Amino acid sequence: MRLDKFLKVSRLIKRRTVANEACDAGRVLVNDNGKTAKASVKVKPGDVIEIQFGTRTVKVEVLDLQETTKKEEAKELFRYI
C-alpha cells in the first residue's frame, strides 16, 4: 500500500493530499534509513514510520494494511513506539 494512502486510512493524517504534502516537505521517514520518504513508497507490516508535526515527532509501527477502515478500527493498523 502507498504511504500516503496508509497515513489516511490509519487516520494518522486526516486527508491524503495533506499526507502527500507532508511527504513532499520531507517530514515523513520510513524505516529510519535517514532519507525522507516519497508518498509513493510501499509500506508493509513491520515498517516503522516517523512523522514530524511541527515540534512533535510521532513514531509508529505498521501492524496491518486495509483499503478502508472504520474510525474505531483505524488505531489497530499501527502501534506507537
Protein backbone atom coordinates (compact mmCIF):
# COMPACT_ATOMS: atom_id res chain seq x y z
CA MET A 1 0.00 0.00 0.00
CA ARG A 2 1.21 3.51 -0.76
CA LEU A 3 2.47 5.54 2.20
CA ASP A 4 0.07 8.45 1.64
CA LYS A 5 -2.92 6.10 1.49
CA PHE A 6 -1.84 4.28 4.66
CA LEU A 7 -1.50 7.57 6.54
CA LYS A 8 -5.04 8.50 5.54
CA VAL A 9 -6.65 5.09 6.17
CA SER A 10 -4.96 4.77 9.57
CA ARG A 11 -6.09 8.32 10.37
CA LEU A 12 -2.58 9.45 11.33
CA ILE A 13 -3.15 12.27 8.83
CA LYS A 14 -6.68 13.38 8.05
CA ARG A 15 -6.54 13.75 4.25
CA ARG A 16 -4.48 12.09 1.54
CA THR A 17 -3.49 15.42 -0.01
CA VAL A 18 -2.14 16.55 3.37
CA ALA A 19 -0.21 13.27 3.62
CA ASN A 20 1.22 13.95 0.14
CA GLU A 21 2.28 17.45 1.17
CA ALA A 22 3.94 16.13 4.35
CA CYS A 23 5.94 13.63 2.28
CA ASP A 24 6.91 16.30 -0.27
CA ALA A 25 8.05 18.61 2.55
CA GLY A 26 10.35 15.88 3.91
CA ARG A 27 8.52 15.38 7.20
CA VAL A 28 7.98 11.61 6.84
CA LEU A 29 10.64 8.89 7.25
CA VAL A 30 10.21 5.14 6.75
CA ASN A 31 12.40 2.53 8.48
CA ASP A 32 14.97 5.02 9.85
CA ASN A 33 17.06 4.95 6.67
CA GLY A 34 17.84 8.66 7.04
CA LYS A 35 16.12 9.59 3.78
CA THR A 36 12.73 11.24 3.55
CA ALA A 37 10.01 9.04 2.08
CA LYS A 38 8.02 9.83 -1.03
CA ALA A 39 4.24 9.43 -0.97
CA SER A 40 4.51 6.50 -3.39
CA VAL A 41 6.72 4.36 -1.11
CA LYS A 42 5.16 0.95 -0.48
CA VAL A 43 4.64 0.16 3.21
CA LYS A 44 4.16 -3.30 4.68
CA PRO A 45 3.53 -4.68 8.17
CA GLY A 46 6.63 -4.25 10.33
CA ASP A 47 7.70 -0.94 8.77
CA VAL A 48 8.42 1.98 11.11
CA ILE A 49 7.06 5.39 10.07
CA GLU A 50 8.25 8.64 11.66
CA ILE A 51 6.17 11.79 11.09
CA GLN A 52 7.19 15.29 12.18
CA PHE A 53 4.26 17.51 13.22
CA GLY A 54 5.89 20.88 13.90
CA THR A 55 7.87 20.37 17.11
CA ARG A 56 6.35 16.96 17.85
CA THR A 57 7.52 13.69 16.28
CA VAL A 58 5.30 10.61 16.08
CA LYS A 59 6.83 7.18 15.53
CA VAL A 60 4.60 4.21 14.71
CA GLU A 61 4.97 0.62 13.55
CA VAL A 62 2.66 -0.68 10.83
CA LEU A 63 0.71 -3.72 12.09
CA ASP A 64 -1.84 -4.28 9.33
CA LEU A 65 -2.92 -2.94 5.94
CA GLN A 66 -6.53 -2.41 4.87
CA GLU A 67 -8.08 -0.49 2.00
CA THR A 68 -10.74 1.08 4.23
CA THR A 69 -11.49 1.06 7.96
CA LYS A 70 -13.99 2.41 10.40
CA LYS A 71 -12.80 5.13 12.73
CA GLU A 72 -12.81 2.79 15.74
CA GLU A 73 -10.71 0.16 13.93
CA ALA A 74 -8.15 2.56 12.46
CA LYS A 75 -5.97 2.53 15.58
CA GLU A 76 -5.49 -1.24 15.19
CA LEU A 77 -3.47 -0.69 11.99
CA PHE A 78 -0.47 0.70 13.88
CA ARG A 79 1.11 1.00 17.32
CA TYR A 80 3.02 3.91 18.81
CA ILE A 81 6.71 3.40 19.55
